[in-house]
Amino acid sequence: MAEGSDYIEIAITTGSEPERDILVARLSEMGFEGFEEDRNVLKAFIPANDFDDQLLDSFFKESGLQYITSVIKYKNWNEEWEAGFEPVLIGDFCSVRALFHPAVNTIKHDIIITPKMSFGTGHHATTYLMIEAMQQITVKGKTVFDFGTGTGVLAILAEKMGAALIEAIDLDDWSIENGKENLLQNQCEKIRLYKSDEITTSLKFDLILANINRNVILEHLTAMKERLQPEGRIVVSGLLTGDADRIIEEATRQNLVFESNHERNGWICLQFTNRQD
């Protein structure tokens, strides 16, 4: 995203957390990149050039909800984001913090993320779930693919956990720019970060991470399976509880074995293994 570009903010009044979670999922599929919750108001942000008011009007007409639109200048976003950014702690396993926060000495893996617009600061339930899932997986010495890396937080964690090699992709220019900053800040040396919306590498991986959304996961599950080592593992999130059956059905069709389903605030994280019986 070019410097100086504007963002559109929409503010939706909504009373329930499940309703907000559904809105986040659906607006993400429309290209909205950032979300904030303030009491009973959900704010969503999208680059002005990507804003489709007719599509949004159609969506909200069906939902019966009302929204207010405003313009946010690029320079104001980081100030607002930083002001509300707090460290995230996942037990004593991992912390996700900004550089201006003090280090947490009791944490095994300390990750510094520049709090910009890329998805993946650990605040959202899906990123939290993915980190929790990684805590239970042997990553040391493994090859890892991070599909839809956002801030790069999962790729960074994989390197800190001892992965031998990590490839990370994202379609969004802003995420690639922000990801590079975060890799540098965390002194990462084993991550290859590049812009793509497909798995184009010829390598096969021990672990594939995909914190995206239902439609993208379903579209690319075949490609993920093809790039997975025998006995390799796929961990997916960006999914609501209602998405579980459809994802498990497709994964089973790909001869992936369903291992676990973990839930947080209406969101889920699913794990599958490429069993070789």
C-alpha atoms as a PDB file:
ATOM      1  CA  MET A   1       0.000   0.000   0.000  1.00  0.00           C
ATOM      2  CA  ALA A   2       1.463   3.314  -1.095  1.00  0.00           C
ATOM      3  CA  GLU A   3       2.221   5.931   1.517  1.00  0.00           C
ATOM      4  CA  GLY A   4      -0.392   8.651   1.748  1.00  0.00           C
ATOM      5  CA  SER A   5      -3.268   6.466   0.577  1.00  0.00           C
ATOM      6  CA  ASP A   6      -6.561   6.789   2.410  1.00  0.00           C
ATOM      7  CA  TYR A   7      -8.579   4.103   4.168  1.00  0.00           C
ATOM      8  CA  ILE A   8     -12.326   3.792   4.516  1.00  0.00           C
ATOM      9  CA  GLU A   9     -13.686   3.110   7.989  1.00  0.00           C
ATOM     10  CA  ILE A  10     -17.136   1.664   8.485  1.00  0.00           C
ATOM     11  CA  ALA A  11     -18.707   1.637  11.946  1.00  0.00           C
ATOM     12  CA  ILE A  12     -21.439  -0.899  12.664  1.00  0.00           C
ATOM     13  CA  THR A  13     -23.567  -0.928  15.803  1.00  0.00           C
ATOM     14  CA  THR A  14     -23.968  -4.541  16.891  1.00  0.00           C
ATOM     15  CA  GLY A  15     -25.009  -5.942  20.247  1.00  0.00           C
ATOM     16  CA  SER A  16     -23.609  -9.457  20.431  1.00  0.00           C
ATOM     17  CA  GLU A  17     -20.109 -10.924  20.219  1.00  0.00           C
ATOM     18  CA  PRO A  18     -21.160 -13.818  17.917  1.00  0.00           C
ATOM     19  CA  GLU A  19     -22.690 -11.292  15.525  1.00  0.00           C
ATOM     20  CA  ARG A  20     -19.466  -9.261  15.526  1.00  0.00           C
ATOM     21  CA  ASP A  21     -17.410 -12.394  14.852  1.00  0.00           C
ATOM     22  CA  ILE A  22     -19.560 -13.269  11.853  1.00  0.00           C
ATOM     23  CA  LEU A  23     -19.233  -9.705  10.554  1.00  0.00           C
ATOM     24  CA  VAL A  24     -15.425  -9.856  10.863  1.00  0.00           C
ATOM     25  CA  ALA A  25     -15.333 -13.099   8.889  1.00  0.00           C
ATOM     26  CA  ARG A  26     -17.572 -11.846   6.098  1.00  0.00           C
ATOM     27  CA  LEU A  27     -15.997  -8.399   5.843  1.00  0.00           C
ATOM     28  CA  SER A  28     -12.547 -10.045   5.676  1.00  0.00           C
ATOM     29  CA  GLU A  29     -13.735 -11.891   2.586  1.00  0.00           C
ATOM     30  CA  MET A  30     -14.658  -8.501   1.056  1.00  0.00           C
ATOM     31  CA  GLY A  31     -11.130  -7.181   1.555  1.00  0.00           C
ATOM     32  CA  PHE A  32     -11.386  -5.382   4.894  1.00  0.00           C
ATOM     33  CA  GLU A  33      -7.970  -5.572   6.562  1.00  0.00           C
ATOM     34  CA  GLY A  34      -8.321  -4.261  10.098  1.00  0.00           C
ATOM     35  CA  PHE A  35     -10.953  -4.390  12.829  1.00  0.00           C
ATOM     36  CA  GLU A  36     -11.523  -2.677  16.171  1.00  0.00           C
ATOM     37  CA  GLU A  37     -14.216  -3.271  18.784  1.00  0.00           C
ATOM     38  CA  ASP A  38     -15.443  -0.484  21.051  1.00  0.00           C
ATOM     39  CA  ARG A  39     -18.311  -1.580  23.331  1.00  0.00           C
ATOM     40  CA  ASN A  40     -21.168  -2.315  20.951  1.00  0.00           C
ATOM     41  CA  VAL A  41     -19.517  -0.840  17.840  1.00  0.00           C
ATOM     42  CA  LEU A  42     -17.401  -2.765  15.351  1.00  0.00           C
ATOM     43  CA  LYS A  43     -15.084  -0.719  13.124  1.00  0.00           C
ATOM     44  CA  ALA A  44     -13.682  -2.193   9.915  1.00  0.00           C
ATOM     45  CA  PHE A  45     -11.042  -0.709   7.607  1.00  0.00           C
ATOM     46  CA  ILE A  46     -10.342  -1.144   3.908  1.00  0.00           C
ATOM     47  CA  PRO A  47      -8.096   0.697   1.393  1.00  0.00           C
ATOM     48  CA  ALA A  48     -10.144   3.374  -0.338  1.00  0.00           C
ATOM     49  CA  ASN A  49      -9.243   1.981  -3.757  1.00  0.00           C
ATOM     50  CA  ASP A  50     -10.706  -1.422  -2.795  1.00  0.00           C
ATOM     51  CA  PHE A  51     -13.935  -0.096  -1.310  1.00  0.00           C
ATOM     52  CA  ASP A  52     -17.079  -1.269  -3.136  1.00  0.00           C
ATOM     53  CA  ASP A  53     -20.016   0.638  -1.681  1.00  0.00           C
ATOM     54  CA  GLN A  54     -22.590  -1.220  -3.792  1.00  0.00           C
ATOM     55  CA  LEU A  55     -21.361  -4.617  -2.575  1.00  0.00           C
ATOM     56  CA  LEU A  56     -21.384  -3.371   1.008  1.00  0.00           C
ATOM     57  CA  ASP A  57     -24.869  -1.849   0.668  1.00  0.00           C
ATOM     58  CA  SER A  58     -26.172  -5.161  -0.654  1.00  0.00           C
ATOM     59  CA  PHE A  59     -24.599  -7.084   2.223  1.00  0.00           C
ATOM     60  CA  PHE A  60     -25.980  -4.801   4.929  1.00  0.00           C
ATOM     61  CA  LYS A  61     -29.404  -4.640   3.316  1.00  0.00           C
ATOM     62  CA  GLU A  62     -29.618  -8.424   3.738  1.00  0.00           C
ATOM     63  CA  SER A  63     -28.266  -8.335   7.298  1.00  0.00           C
ATOM     64  CA  GLY A  64     -30.575  -5.542   8.457  1.00  0.00           C
ATOM     65  CA  LEU A  65     -27.669  -3.709  10.133  1.00  0.00           C
ATOM     66  CA  GLN A  66     -26.722  -0.058   9.661  1.00  0.00           C
ATOM     67  CA  TYR A  67     -23.243   1.363   9.126  1.00  0.00           C
ATOM     68  CA  ILE A  68     -21.550   4.753   8.982  1.00  0.00           C
ATOM     69  CA  THR A  69     -18.667   5.464   6.585  1.00  0.00           C
ATOM     70  CA  SER A  70     -15.743   7.823   7.128  1.00  0.00           C
ATOM     71  CA  VAL A  71     -12.297   8.393   5.644  1.00  0.00           C
ATOM     72  CA  ILE A  72      -9.084   7.875   7.615  1.00  0.00           C
ATOM     73  CA  LYS A  73      -5.798   9.309   6.409  1.00  0.00           C
ATOM     74  CA  TYR A  74      -2.864   6.929   6.212  1.00  0.00           C
ATOM     75  CA  LYS A  75      -0.758   8.941   8.663  1.00  0.00           C
ATOM     76  CA  ASN A  76      -3.448   8.732  11.347  1.00  0.00           C
ATOM     77  CA  TRP A  77      -3.804   4.950  11.250  1.00  0.00           C
ATOM     78  CA  ASN A  78      -0.532   4.035  12.911  1.00  0.00           C
ATOM     79  CA  GLU A  79      -1.108   6.573  15.694  1.00  0.00           C
ATOM     80  CA  GLU A  80      -4.532   5.127  16.430  1.00  0.00           C
ATOM     81  CA  TRP A  81      -3.326   1.515  16.156  1.00  0.00           C
ATOM     82  CA  GLU A  82      -0.330   2.048  18.438  1.00  0.00           C
ATOM     83  CA  ALA A  83      -2.430   3.836  21.043  1.00  0.00           C
ATOM     84  CA  GLY A  84      -4.640   0.779  21.503  1.00  0.00           C
ATOM     85  CA  PHE A  85      -2.070  -1.985  21.022  1.00  0.00           C
ATOM     86  CA  GLU A  86      -1.447  -4.099  24.103  1.00  0.00           C
ATOM     87  CA  PRO A  87       0.846  -7.143  24.494  1.00  0.00           C
ATOM     88  CA  VAL A  88      -0.717 -10.569  24.020  1.00  0.00           C
ATOM     89  CA  LEU A  89       0.386 -13.462  26.232  1.00  0.00           C
ATOM     90  CA  ILE A  90      -0.276 -17.104  25.360  1.00  0.00           C
ATOM     91  CA  GLY A  91       0.520 -18.733  28.696  1.00  0.00           C
ATOM     92  CA  ASP A  92       4.253 -18.812  29.318  1.00  0.00           C
ATOM     93  CA  PHE A  93       4.825 -19.993  25.744  1.00  0.00           C
ATOM     94  CA  CYS A  94       4.684 -16.830  23.636  1.00  0.00           C
ATOM     95  CA  SER A  95       4.221 -13.080  23.870  1.00  0.00           C
ATOM     96  CA  VAL A  96       3.353 -10.774  20.976  1.00  0.00           C
ATOM     97  CA  ARG A  97       4.237  -7.180  21.725  1.00  0.00           C
ATOM     98  CA  ALA A  98       5.284  -3.920  20.132  1.00  0.00           C
ATOM     99  CA  LEU A  99       8.822  -2.581  20.405  1.00  0.00           C
ATOM    100  CA  PHE A 100       7.653   0.136  22.820  1.00  0.00           C
ATOM    101  CA  HIS A 101       6.482  -2.541  25.297  1.00  0.00           C
ATOM    102  CA  PRO A 102       8.960  -3.991  27.799  1.00  0.00           C
ATOM    103  CA  ALA A 103      10.150  -7.557  27.220  1.00  0.00           C
ATOM    104  CA  VAL A 104       8.416 -10.325  29.180  1.00  0.00           C
ATOM    105  CA  ASN A 105      11.254 -12.321  30.711  1.00  0.00           C
ATOM    106  CA  THR A 106       9.107 -15.258  31.809  1.00  0.00           C
ATOM    107  CA  ILE A 107       8.025 -16.063  28.239  1.00  0.00           C
ATOM    108  CA  LYS A 108       9.720 -18.725  26.120  1.00  0.00           C
ATOM    109  CA  HIS A 109       9.251 -16.957  22.781  1.00  0.00           C
ATOM    110  CA  ASP A 110       9.101 -13.144  22.680  1.00  0.00           C
ATOM    111  CA  ILE A 111       7.858 -11.761  19.344  1.00  0.00           C
ATOM    112  CA  ILE A 112       7.993  -8.070  18.423  1.00  0.00           C
ATOM    113  CA  ILE A 113       5.381  -6.933  15.906  1.00  0.00           C
ATOM    114  CA  THR A 114       5.121  -3.436  14.483  1.00  0.00           C
ATOM    115  CA  PRO A 115       1.451  -2.640  15.151  1.00  0.00           C
ATOM    116  CA  LYS A 116       0.365  -1.634  11.674  1.00  0.00           C
ATOM    117  CA  MET A 117      -2.553  -2.781   9.560  1.00  0.00           C
ATOM    118  CA  SER A 118      -1.474  -6.333   8.716  1.00  0.00           C
ATOM    119  CA  PHE A 119      -3.535  -9.064  10.324  1.00  0.00           C
ATOM    120  CA  GLY A 120      -1.847 -11.104  13.025  1.00  0.00           C
ATOM    121  CA  THR A 121      -1.017  -9.350  16.269  1.00  0.00           C
ATOM    122  CA  GLY A 122      -2.339 -12.166  18.426  1.00  0.00           C
ATOM    123  CA  HIS A 123      -5.357 -10.163  19.576  1.00  0.00           C
ATOM    124  CA  HIS A 124      -7.762 -11.938  17.274  1.00  0.00           C
ATOM    125  CA  ALA A 125      -8.923 -15.353  18.450  1.00  0.00           C
ATOM    126  CA  THR A 126      -7.706 -17.114  15.308  1.00  0.00           C
ATOM    127  CA  THR A 127      -4.089 -15.962  15.681  1.00  0.00           C
ATOM    128  CA  TYR A 128      -4.220 -16.880  19.363  1.00  0.00           C
ATOM    129  CA  LEU A 129      -5.530 -20.348  18.456  1.00  0.00           C
ATOM    130  CA  MET A 130      -2.823 -20.875  15.837  1.00  0.00           C
ATOM    131  CA  ILE A 131      -0.104 -20.002  18.346  1.00  0.00           C
ATOM    132  CA  GLU A 132      -1.658 -22.333  20.906  1.00  0.00           C
ATOM    133  CA  ALA A 133      -1.699 -25.117  18.314  1.00  0.00           C
ATOM    134  CA  MET A 134       1.955 -24.563  17.437  1.00  0.00           C
ATOM    135  CA  GLN A 135       2.857 -24.971  21.102  1.00  0.00           C
ATOM    136  CA  GLN A 136       1.795 -28.627  20.846  1.00  0.00           C
ATOM    137  CA  ILE A 137       3.716 -29.360  17.626  1.00  0.00           C
ATOM    138  CA  THR A 138       7.371 -30.302  17.181  1.00  0.00           C
ATOM    139  CA  VAL A 139       8.694 -27.568  14.900  1.00  0.00           C
ATOM    140  CA  LYS A 140      12.441 -27.859  15.509  1.00  0.00           C
ATOM    141  CA  GLY A 141      14.256 -28.991  12.393  1.00  0.00           C
ATOM    142  CA  LYS A 142      11.041 -28.971  10.321  1.00  0.00           C
ATOM    143  CA  THR A 143      10.084 -27.159   7.122  1.00  0.00           C
ATOM    144  CA  VAL A 144       7.126 -24.779   7.464  1.00  0.00           C
ATOM    145  CA  PHE A 145       4.832 -22.960   5.024  1.00  0.00           C
ATOM    146  CA  ASP A 146       2.794 -19.970   6.259  1.00  0.00           C
ATOM    147  CA  PHE A 147      -0.114 -19.269   3.883  1.00  0.00           C
ATOM    148  CA  GLY A 148      -1.471 -15.727   4.388  1.00  0.00           C
ATOM    149  CA  THR A 149       1.261 -14.610   6.739  1.00  0.00           C
ATOM    150  CA  GLY A 150      -0.078 -11.098   7.563  1.00  0.00           C
ATOM    151  CA  THR A 151       2.392  -9.596  10.032  1.00  0.00           C
ATOM    152  CA  GLY A 152       4.536 -12.747   9.769  1.00  0.00           C
ATOM    153  CA  VAL A 153       3.899 -13.629  13.405  1.00  0.00           C
ATOM    154  CA  LEU A 154       3.435 -17.386  12.829  1.00  0.00           C
ATOM    155  CA  ALA A 155       6.480 -17.618  10.562  1.00  0.00           C
ATOM    156  CA  ILE A 156       8.532 -15.727  13.141  1.00  0.00           C
ATOM    157  CA  LEU A 157       7.335 -18.067  15.878  1.00  0.00           C
ATOM    158  CA  ALA A 158       8.260 -21.075  13.729  1.00  0.00           C
ATOM    159  CA  GLU A 159      11.812 -19.776  13.390  1.00  0.00           C
ATOM    160  CA  LYS A 160      12.055 -19.098  17.121  1.00  0.00           C
ATOM    161  CA  MET A 161      10.874 -22.673  17.692  1.00  0.00           C
ATOM    162  CA  GLY A 162      13.785 -23.966  15.618  1.00  0.00           C
ATOM    163  CA  ALA A 163      12.302 -24.600  12.168  1.00  0.00           C
ATOM    164  CA  ALA A 164      14.926 -25.378   9.542  1.00  0.00           C
ATOM    165  CA  LEU A 165      13.242 -23.353   6.772  1.00  0.00           C
ATOM    166  CA  ILE A 166      10.065 -21.300   6.460  1.00  0.00           C
ATOM    167  CA  GLU A 167       8.295 -19.944   3.384  1.00  0.00           C
ATOM    168  CA  ALA A 168       5.640 -17.274   3.967  1.00  0.00           C
ATOM    169  CA  ILE A 169       3.289 -15.693   1.449  1.00  0.00           C
ATOM    170  CA  ASP A 170       0.614 -13.022   1.382  1.00  0.00           C
ATOM    171  CA  LEU A 171      -1.284 -11.316  -1.424  1.00  0.00           C
ATOM    172  CA  ASP A 172      -1.378  -7.892   0.237  1.00  0.00           C
ATOM    173  CA  ASP A 173       1.456  -5.423  -0.476  1.00  0.00           C
ATOM    174  CA  TRP A 174       1.042  -3.872   2.969  1.00  0.00           C
ATOM    175  CA  SER A 175       1.465  -7.251   4.659  1.00  0.00           C
ATOM    176  CA  ILE A 176       4.657  -7.961   2.715  1.00  0.00           C
ATOM    177  CA  GLU A 177       6.068  -4.553   3.654  1.00  0.00           C
ATOM    178  CA  ASN A 178       5.080  -4.932   7.299  1.00  0.00           C
ATOM    179  CA  GLY A 179       6.216  -8.572   7.383  1.00  0.00           C
ATOM    180  CA  LYS A 180       9.697  -7.615   6.199  1.00  0.00           C
ATOM    181  CA  GLU A 181       9.946  -5.052   9.003  1.00  0.00           C
ATOM    182  CA  ASN A 182       8.897  -7.635  11.552  1.00  0.00           C
ATOM    183  CA  LEU A 183      11.333 -10.284  10.278  1.00  0.00           C
ATOM    184  CA  LEU A 184      14.134  -7.758  10.584  1.00  0.00           C
ATOM    185  CA  GLN A 185      13.019  -6.677  14.048  1.00  0.00           C
ATOM    186  CA  ASN A 186      13.011 -10.308  15.231  1.00  0.00           C
ATOM    187  CA  GLN A 187      16.374 -11.049  13.559  1.00  0.00           C
ATOM    188  CA  CYS A 188      14.922 -13.838  11.422  1.00  0.00           C
ATOM    189  CA  GLU A 189      17.217 -15.540   8.922  1.00  0.00           C
ATOM    190  CA  LYS A 190      15.341 -18.656   7.812  1.00  0.00           C
ATOM    191  CA  ILE A 191      12.142 -17.135   6.421  1.00  0.00           C
ATOM    192  CA  ARG A 192      11.565 -16.564   2.711  1.00  0.00           C
ATOM    193  CA  LEU A 193       8.757 -14.002   2.437  1.00  0.00           C
ATOM    194  CA  TYR A 194       7.167 -13.213  -0.921  1.00  0.00           C
ATOM    195  CA  LYS A 195       3.954 -11.937  -2.478  1.00  0.00           C
ATOM    196  CA  SER A 196       1.638 -14.627  -3.818  1.00  0.00           C
ATOM    197  CA  ASP A 197      -1.892 -15.969  -3.444  1.00  0.00           C
ATOM    198  CA  GLU A 198      -0.890 -19.506  -4.453  1.00  0.00           C
ATOM    199  CA  ILE A 199       1.546 -22.185  -3.309  1.00  0.00           C
ATOM    200  CA  THR A 200       3.997 -22.032  -6.192  1.00  0.00           C
ATOM    201  CA  THR A 201       7.022 -23.584  -4.502  1.00  0.00           C
ATOM    202  CA  SER A 202       8.199 -27.070  -5.469  1.00  0.00           C
ATOM    203  CA  LEU A 203       9.251 -27.855  -1.886  1.00  0.00           C
ATOM    204  CA  LYS A 204       7.309 -30.139   0.426  1.00  0.00           C
ATOM    205  CA  PHE A 205       6.693 -29.131   4.030  1.00  0.00           C
ATOM    206  CA  ASP A 206       6.339 -30.818   7.401  1.00  0.00           C
ATOM    207  CA  LEU A 207       3.924 -28.150   8.626  1.00  0.00           C
ATOM    208  CA  ILE A 208       1.540 -25.877   6.714  1.00  0.00           C
ATOM    209  CA  LEU A 209      -0.129 -22.993   8.570  1.00  0.00           C
ATOM    210  CA  ALA A 210      -3.138 -21.209   7.042  1.00  0.00           C
ATOM    211  CA  ASN A 211      -4.919 -18.555   9.093  1.00  0.00           C
ATOM    212  CA  ILE A 212      -7.028 -17.117   6.290  1.00  0.00           C
ATOM    213  CA  ASN A 213     -10.755 -17.751   5.773  1.00  0.00           C
ATOM    214  CA  ARG A 214     -13.061 -20.590   4.782  1.00  0.00           C
ATOM    215  CA  ASN A 215     -13.243 -19.856   1.056  1.00  0.00           C
ATOM    216  CA  VAL A 216      -9.495 -19.507   0.545  1.00  0.00           C
ATOM    217  CA  ILE A 217      -8.780 -22.641   2.579  1.00  0.00           C
ATOM    218  CA  LEU A 218     -11.283 -24.674   0.566  1.00  0.00           C
ATOM    219  CA  GLU A 219      -9.913 -23.311  -2.704  1.00  0.00           C
ATOM    220  CA  HIS A 220      -6.308 -24.188  -1.872  1.00  0.00           C
ATOM    221  CA  LEU A 221      -6.627 -27.316   0.266  1.00  0.00           C
ATOM    222  CA  THR A 222      -5.680 -29.582  -2.655  1.00  0.00           C
ATOM    223  CA  ALA A 223      -2.513 -27.554  -3.265  1.00  0.00           C
ATOM    224  CA  MET A 224      -1.667 -27.636   0.436  1.00  0.00           C
ATOM    225  CA  LYS A 225      -2.064 -31.419   0.509  1.00  0.00           C
ATOM    226  CA  GLU A 226       0.203 -31.770  -2.545  1.00  0.00           C
ATOM    227  CA  ARG A 227       2.958 -29.776  -0.828  1.00  0.00           C
ATOM    228  CA  LEU A 228       2.712 -31.705   2.452  1.00  0.00           C
ATOM    229  CA  GLN A 229       5.248 -34.320   3.495  1.00  0.00           C
ATOM    230  CA  PRO A 230       4.028 -37.798   4.493  1.00  0.00           C
ATOM    231  CA  GLU A 231       2.940 -37.539   8.140  1.00  0.00           C
ATOM    232  CA  GLY A 232       3.032 -33.752   7.759  1.00  0.00           C
ATOM    233  CA  ARG A 233       0.486 -31.537   9.487  1.00  0.00           C
ATOM    234  CA  ILE A 234      -1.885 -28.790   8.319  1.00  0.00           C
ATOM    235  CA  VAL A 235      -3.234 -26.268  10.848  1.00  0.00           C
ATOM    236  CA  VAL A 236      -6.003 -23.931   9.650  1.00  0.00           C
ATOM    237  CA  SER A 237      -8.000 -21.117  11.198  1.00  0.00           C
ATOM    238  CA  GLY A 238      -9.805 -17.928  10.205  1.00  0.00           C
ATOM    239  CA  LEU A 239     -12.888 -20.106  10.612  1.00  0.00           C
ATOM    240  CA  LEU A 240     -16.130 -19.775  12.507  1.00  0.00           C
ATOM    241  CA  THR A 241     -17.557 -22.749  14.398  1.00  0.00           C
ATOM    242  CA  GLY A 242     -20.106 -23.269  11.636  1.00  0.00           C
ATOM    243  CA  ASP A 243     -17.330 -23.804   9.080  1.00  0.00           C
ATOM    244  CA  ALA A 244     -15.969 -26.948  10.739  1.00  0.00           C
ATOM    245  CA  ASP A 245     -18.051 -29.595   8.975  1.00  0.00           C
ATOM    246  CA  ARG A 246     -17.365 -28.217   5.492  1.00  0.00           C
ATOM    247  CA  ILE A 247     -13.593 -27.985   6.066  1.00  0.00           C
ATOM    248  CA  ILE A 248     -13.389 -31.448   7.643  1.00  0.00           C
ATOM    249  CA  GLU A 249     -15.438 -32.921   4.776  1.00  0.00           C
ATOM    250  CA  GLU A 250     -13.092 -31.484   2.154  1.00  0.00           C
ATOM    251  CA  ALA A 251      -9.966 -32.445   4.084  1.00  0.00           C
ATOM    252  CA  THR A 252     -11.229 -36.015   4.412  1.00  0.00           C
ATOM    253  CA  ARG A 253     -11.805 -36.073   0.656  1.00  0.00           C
ATOM    254  CA  GLN A 254      -8.133 -35.125   0.311  1.00  0.00           C
ATOM    255  CA  ASN A 255      -7.209 -38.143   2.501  1.00  0.00           C
ATOM    256  CA  LEU A 256      -6.192 -35.904   5.377  1.00  0.00           C
ATOM    257  CA  VAL A 257      -6.916 -37.231   8.857  1.00  0.00           C
ATOM    258  CA  PHE A 258      -8.763 -34.884  11.204  1.00  0.00           C
ATOM    259  CA  GLU A 259      -6.869 -34.595  14.505  1.00  0.00           C
ATOM    260  CA  SER A 260      -8.401 -31.813  16.602  1.00  0.00           C
ATOM    261  CA  ASN A 261     -10.720 -28.825  16.795  1.00  0.00           C
ATOM    262  CA  HIS A 262     -10.085 -25.999  19.269  1.00  0.00           C
ATOM    263  CA  GLU A 263     -12.445 -23.076  19.818  1.00  0.00           C
ATOM    264  CA  ARG A 264     -12.119 -19.526  21.143  1.00  0.00           C
ATOM    265  CA  ASN A 265     -14.850 -16.880  21.117  1.00  0.00           C
ATOM    266  CA  GLY A 266     -16.774 -18.572  18.317  1.00  0.00           C
ATOM    267  CA  TRP A 267     -13.692 -19.143  16.156  1.00  0.00           C
ATOM    268  CA  ILE A 268     -12.014 -22.507  15.553  1.00  0.00           C
ATOM    269  CA  CYS A 269      -8.623 -23.963  14.688  1.00  0.00           C
ATOM    270  CA  LEU A 270      -8.532 -27.369  12.945  1.00  0.00           C
ATOM    271  CA  GLN A 271      -5.580 -29.737  12.616  1.00  0.00           C
ATOM    272  CA  PHE A 272      -5.103 -32.476  10.019  1.00  0.00           C
ATOM    273  CA  THR A 273      -2.343 -35.024   9.376  1.00  0.00           C
ATOM    274  CA  ASN A 274      -1.200 -36.549   6.099  1.00  0.00           C
ATOM    275  CA  ARG A 275      -1.262 -40.092   7.443  1.00  0.00           C
ATOM    276  CA  GLN A 276       0.571 -42.809   5.489  1.00  0.00           C
ATOM    277  CA  ASP A 277      -1.039 -46.035   6.665  1.00  0.00           C
END
